Amino acid sequence: MVDGLGLEDAYGATLGRIKGQGGEKARLGMAALMWISHSERPLKAEEVCHALAIEIGSPNLNVDNAPSIGALLACCQGLVVIEKEVSTVRLIYFTLQEYLRTHPEIFSAAHSTMAETCMTYLNYQHLQAFSTSPSPEPQDTPFLEYSSLYWGVHAKRNLSDCAKQLAFKLVENYNHHISTKILVKTQKMYGYAVDFDKPSLFGGLHRASFFGIVEIVAYLVELEGCDINQMDFMGNTPLHWAAWNGQERVIETLLGRSGISPDKQDKCG
């Protein structure tokens, strides 16, 4: 057994053992494999543990639900290891990633589940209470960065009905959300100094356009009082963000609306 194909029986048998644990152990083991194999970047151990503690749709996080990393590794039956130098978790072999990729039925709803999890976290009452000015301690909110940067990536790939409702709740009150600050700080192509003590105006429509989530954009532009040409702190409209990220379907949706002003200039002219 020297390649991914030869290891298929071994991987299938190990997944069978994980499921055969039953109950919470089986759930944790399979969920951990889903997150590690489908995440947009390597996850730290505490990020995975917090993600697995989230009950989709719940108003607050019960930290008692978070498994220890030792328990998590045990539930994964040797398929997951920790990179000690950087504290990230990974699959034990690259061929396991290939195996999971060629068997999509194993995690058929991975991206919708991950989107629902991220948005449930961002909708938690204690995170909604943060303005964009404070900086939460990372040890208190280890899943905040990942969920802020990637909820839309997962939602675009598979937007379930549950994810839609969670997204509507999130983006309708997005201007002052702490995740706004986190996303904007990653946009290094701009040199503006952003005053986060004031409303950034980078609202839900900007964010949905940034990620290219057509269903959310279509919902938001129908809301009473929606300013389709609203400019954020850099002078960018939702159309600017959609164009910058190559979100063609969102561009078509926005251009099809009456009142759109495609020639608005940002602060750079």
Protein backbone atom coordinates (compact mmCIF):
# COMPACT_ATOMS: atom_id res chain seq x y z
CA MET A 1 0.00 0.00 0.00
CA VAL A 2 2.14 2.81 -1.29
CA ASP A 3 -0.35 5.28 -2.70
CA GLY A 4 -3.78 6.78 -1.99
CA LEU A 5 -5.59 4.12 -3.99
CA GLY A 6 -3.89 1.29 -2.09
CA LEU A 7 -4.80 2.88 1.22
CA GLU A 8 -8.51 3.13 0.44
CA ASP A 9 -9.41 -0.04 2.33
CA ALA A 10 -7.37 1.05 5.34
CA TYR A 11 -8.94 4.51 5.43
CA GLY A 12 -12.42 3.08 4.95
CA ALA A 13 -11.86 0.66 7.82
CA THR A 14 -10.62 3.44 10.11
CA LEU A 15 -13.60 5.64 9.29
CA GLY A 16 -15.76 2.64 10.11
CA ARG A 17 -14.08 2.37 13.51
CA ILE A 18 -14.65 6.07 14.16
CA LYS A 19 -18.35 5.72 13.36
CA GLY A 20 -18.48 2.48 15.35
CA GLN A 21 -17.56 4.33 18.54
CA GLY A 22 -21.11 5.60 18.53
CA GLY A 23 -22.64 8.62 20.23
CA GLU A 24 -20.56 11.70 20.96
CA LYS A 25 -17.23 10.09 20.11
CA ALA A 26 -18.37 9.23 16.60
CA ARG A 27 -19.83 12.72 16.11
CA LEU A 28 -16.65 14.44 17.29
CA GLY A 29 -14.36 12.24 15.25
CA MET A 30 -16.23 12.70 11.96
CA ALA A 31 -16.86 16.40 12.56
CA ALA A 32 -13.17 17.00 13.25
CA LEU A 33 -12.21 15.25 10.02
CA MET A 34 -14.74 17.39 8.14
CA TRP A 35 -13.35 20.65 9.50
CA ILE A 36 -9.72 19.72 8.98
CA SER A 37 -10.23 18.44 5.44
CA HIS A 38 -12.54 21.28 4.25
CA SER A 39 -11.18 24.36 6.04
CA GLU A 40 -9.81 27.28 4.04
CA ARG A 41 -6.57 27.33 6.01
CA PRO A 42 -4.89 25.10 8.63
CA LEU A 43 -6.82 25.28 11.90
CA LYS A 44 -5.34 25.55 15.35
CA ALA A 45 -6.39 22.96 17.88
CA GLU A 46 -8.42 25.42 19.93
CA GLU A 47 -10.25 26.60 16.80
CA VAL A 48 -11.38 23.07 15.99
CA CYS A 49 -12.44 22.42 19.58
CA HIS A 50 -14.54 25.62 19.67
CA ALA A 51 -16.07 24.89 16.27
CA LEU A 52 -17.18 21.48 17.54
CA ALA A 53 -18.74 23.06 20.63
CA ILE A 54 -21.13 25.23 18.60
CA GLU A 55 -24.77 24.21 18.46
CA ILE A 56 -26.16 25.60 15.20
CA GLY A 57 -28.78 28.25 15.83
CA SER A 58 -28.06 28.62 19.55
CA PRO A 59 -27.82 32.18 20.99
CA ASN A 60 -24.65 31.60 23.02
CA LEU A 61 -21.68 29.27 23.21
CA ASN A 62 -21.56 26.65 25.94
CA VAL A 63 -17.81 26.29 26.47
CA ASP A 64 -18.43 23.08 28.39
CA ASN A 65 -19.27 21.50 25.03
CA ALA A 66 -15.72 22.03 23.76
CA PRO A 67 -13.76 18.76 23.83
CA SER A 68 -10.17 18.62 24.99
CA ILE A 69 -7.65 18.16 22.22
CA GLY A 70 -6.66 14.82 23.74
CA ALA A 71 -10.24 13.58 23.57
CA LEU A 72 -10.53 14.85 20.02
CA LEU A 73 -7.41 13.04 18.85
CA ALA A 74 -8.63 9.84 20.48
CA CYS A 75 -11.99 10.10 18.69
CA CYS A 76 -10.18 10.42 15.35
CA GLN A 77 -8.49 7.03 15.77
CA GLY A 78 -5.03 8.21 14.70
CA LEU A 79 -6.09 10.02 11.51
CA VAL A 80 -5.36 13.47 12.98
CA VAL A 81 -2.11 14.84 14.44
CA ILE A 82 -0.93 18.18 15.84
CA GLU A 83 1.90 20.17 14.27
CA LYS A 84 3.53 21.13 17.54
CA GLU A 85 5.60 23.99 16.13
CA VAL A 86 2.53 25.92 15.01
CA SER A 87 -0.19 24.21 17.09
CA THR A 88 -2.26 23.37 14.02
CA VAL A 89 -4.09 20.11 13.41
CA ARG A 90 -3.77 18.16 10.18
CA LEU A 91 -4.63 14.81 8.66
CA ILE A 92 -1.92 12.24 9.25
CA TYR A 93 -1.26 11.67 5.52
CA PHE A 94 -1.83 13.74 2.39
CA THR A 95 -3.31 10.63 0.81
CA LEU A 96 -6.12 10.80 3.36
CA GLN A 97 -7.00 14.27 2.03
CA GLU A 98 -7.09 12.77 -1.46
CA TYR A 99 -9.27 9.90 -0.25
CA LEU A 100 -11.80 12.26 1.35
CA ARG A 101 -11.81 14.47 -1.76
CA THR A 102 -12.59 11.52 -4.04
CA HIS A 103 -15.40 10.36 -1.73
CA PRO A 104 -17.57 13.50 -1.40
CA GLU A 105 -20.44 11.43 -0.03
CA ILE A 106 -18.59 11.14 3.28
CA PHE A 107 -19.17 14.86 3.99
CA SER A 108 -21.91 15.74 1.54
CA ALA A 109 -23.03 18.88 3.41
CA ALA A 110 -19.65 20.03 4.68
CA HIS A 111 -19.70 23.61 3.44
CA SER A 112 -23.29 24.32 4.45
CA THR A 113 -22.60 22.93 7.93
CA MET A 114 -19.42 25.00 8.22
CA ALA A 115 -21.24 28.15 7.07
CA GLU A 116 -24.03 27.54 9.58
CA THR A 117 -21.48 26.99 12.33
CA CYS A 118 -19.51 30.15 11.51
CA MET A 119 -22.63 32.32 11.34
CA THR A 120 -24.09 30.87 14.52
CA TYR A 121 -20.85 31.87 16.22
CA LEU A 122 -20.89 35.39 14.76
CA ASN A 123 -24.53 35.80 15.81
CA TYR A 124 -23.76 34.92 19.44
CA GLN A 125 -25.01 37.60 21.79
CA HIS A 126 -21.64 38.21 23.44
CA LEU A 127 -20.02 38.82 20.03
CA GLN A 128 -22.87 41.06 18.90
CA ALA A 129 -22.18 43.12 22.01
CA PHE A 130 -18.65 43.94 20.83
CA SER A 131 -18.29 47.15 18.86
CA THR A 132 -15.62 47.29 16.18
CA SER A 133 -13.27 49.12 18.53
CA PRO A 134 -12.33 46.58 21.24
CA SER A 135 -10.02 43.68 20.52
CA PRO A 136 -11.27 40.50 22.19
CA GLU A 137 -8.64 38.30 23.75
CA PRO A 138 -7.82 35.45 21.30
CA GLN A 139 -8.07 32.85 24.05
CA ASP A 140 -11.64 33.96 24.71
CA THR A 141 -12.73 33.93 21.07
CA PRO A 142 -10.42 31.51 19.22
CA PHE A 143 -12.93 30.86 16.44
CA LEU A 144 -13.63 34.54 15.74
CA GLU A 145 -10.99 35.14 13.06
CA TYR A 146 -11.79 32.05 11.01
CA SER A 147 -15.55 32.55 11.13
CA SER A 148 -15.18 36.25 10.24
CA LEU A 149 -13.00 35.63 7.20
CA TYR A 150 -14.54 32.46 5.79
CA TRP A 151 -18.25 32.19 6.62
CA GLY A 152 -19.03 33.68 3.22
CA VAL A 153 -16.65 31.36 1.39
CA HIS A 154 -18.45 28.31 2.76
CA ALA A 155 -21.89 29.87 2.28
CA LYS A 156 -21.20 30.63 -1.38
CA ARG A 157 -20.31 26.99 -1.99
CA ASN A 158 -23.44 25.60 -0.36
CA LEU A 159 -26.10 27.89 1.07
CA SER A 160 -28.69 25.84 2.92
CA ASP A 161 -32.02 27.28 4.07
CA CYS A 162 -30.70 27.35 7.62
CA ALA A 163 -27.55 29.19 6.47
CA LYS A 164 -29.70 31.74 4.63
CA GLN A 165 -31.62 32.60 7.78
CA LEU A 166 -28.44 32.89 9.82
CA ALA A 167 -26.89 35.07 7.10
CA PHE A 168 -29.92 37.36 6.97
CA LYS A 169 -29.68 37.84 10.73
CA LEU A 170 -25.97 38.56 10.53
CA VAL A 171 -25.82 40.95 7.59
CA GLU A 172 -28.82 43.09 8.54
CA ASN A 173 -26.84 44.40 11.54
CA TYR A 174 -23.36 44.20 10.15
CA ASN A 175 -21.94 47.74 10.27
CA HIS A 176 -20.75 47.58 13.86
CA HIS A 177 -19.90 43.88 14.06
CA ILE A 178 -16.38 43.03 15.23
CA SER A 179 -15.95 40.73 12.24
CA THR A 180 -16.07 43.81 9.98
CA LYS A 181 -12.78 45.00 11.45
CA ILE A 182 -11.20 41.58 11.06
CA LEU A 183 -12.13 41.26 7.37
CA VAL A 184 -11.15 44.80 6.44
CA LYS A 185 -7.73 44.44 8.05
CA THR A 186 -6.98 41.62 5.60
CA GLN A 187 -7.48 43.88 2.58
CA LYS A 188 -3.87 44.99 2.30
CA MET A 189 -4.21 46.59 -1.12
CA TYR A 190 -5.43 49.76 0.57
CA GLY A 191 -3.30 52.13 2.59
CA TYR A 192 -6.07 54.00 4.35
CA ALA A 193 -5.99 54.47 8.10
CA VAL A 194 -9.41 53.27 9.23
CA ASP A 195 -11.07 54.85 12.24
CA PHE A 196 -12.97 51.96 13.78
CA ASP A 197 -14.43 54.20 16.47
CA LYS A 198 -16.82 55.42 13.78
CA PRO A 199 -19.21 53.34 11.69
CA SER A 200 -17.23 51.79 8.86
CA LEU A 201 -20.26 51.62 6.55
CA PHE A 202 -18.88 48.27 5.36
CA GLY A 203 -22.28 46.72 5.81
CA GLY A 204 -24.05 43.52 4.95
CA LEU A 205 -24.47 44.33 1.26
CA HIS A 206 -20.76 45.10 0.94
CA ARG A 207 -19.88 41.83 2.63
CA ALA A 208 -22.29 39.68 0.61
CA SER A 209 -20.99 41.32 -2.58
CA PHE A 210 -17.40 40.76 -1.46
CA PHE A 211 -18.05 37.02 -1.05
CA GLY A 212 -20.29 36.75 -4.11
CA ILE A 213 -23.36 35.32 -2.35
CA VAL A 214 -26.06 36.13 -4.88
CA GLU A 215 -29.00 35.00 -2.74
CA ILE A 216 -28.03 37.32 0.11
CA VAL A 217 -27.38 40.25 -2.23
CA ALA A 218 -30.79 39.76 -3.87
CA TYR A 219 -32.44 39.70 -0.45
CA LEU A 220 -30.70 42.82 0.85
CA VAL A 221 -31.37 45.03 -2.19
CA GLU A 222 -35.09 44.39 -1.72
CA LEU A 223 -35.10 45.72 1.84
CA GLU A 224 -36.73 49.09 2.39
CA GLY A 225 -34.15 51.82 2.69
CA CYS A 226 -31.32 49.82 1.12
CA ASP A 227 -28.75 52.15 -0.47
CA ILE A 228 -27.33 50.08 -3.31
CA ASN A 229 -24.65 52.75 -3.90
CA GLN A 230 -23.61 53.14 -0.27
CA MET A 231 -19.92 53.95 0.02
CA ASP A 232 -17.78 52.45 2.75
CA PHE A 233 -14.86 54.13 4.54
CA MET A 234 -12.71 53.69 1.39
CA GLY A 235 -15.38 55.03 -0.93
CA ASN A 236 -16.17 51.57 -2.29
CA THR A 237 -19.72 50.58 -3.18
CA PRO A 238 -20.94 46.96 -3.09
CA LEU A 239 -20.44 46.91 -6.87
CA HIS A 240 -16.78 47.90 -6.41
CA TRP A 241 -16.21 44.94 -4.07
CA ALA A 242 -17.99 42.49 -6.35
CA ALA A 243 -15.90 43.68 -9.31
CA TRP A 244 -12.65 43.59 -7.33
CA ASN A 245 -13.25 39.95 -6.39
CA GLY A 246 -14.58 38.88 -9.79
CA GLN A 247 -18.08 38.02 -8.50
CA GLU A 248 -19.78 38.07 -11.89
CA ARG A 249 -23.24 36.90 -10.81
CA VAL A 250 -23.39 39.57 -8.10
CA ILE A 251 -22.22 42.20 -10.61
CA GLU A 252 -25.08 41.18 -12.92
CA THR A 253 -27.56 41.34 -10.05
CA LEU A 254 -26.45 44.80 -8.95
CA LEU A 255 -26.29 46.21 -12.48
CA GLY A 256 -29.81 44.96 -13.07
CA ARG A 257 -31.19 47.15 -10.27
CA SER A 258 -32.69 50.55 -10.92
CA GLY A 259 -30.74 53.31 -9.23
CA ILE A 260 -27.36 51.63 -9.54
CA SER A 261 -24.50 54.05 -10.23
CA PRO A 262 -21.68 52.00 -11.75
CA ASP A 263 -19.41 55.02 -12.32
CA LYS A 264 -19.07 56.16 -8.70
CA GLN A 265 -15.47 56.85 -7.79
CA ASP A 266 -13.76 55.64 -4.65
CA LYS A 267 -11.29 57.71 -2.62
CA CYS A 268 -8.57 56.95 -5.15
CA GLY A 269 -10.69 58.34 -7.97
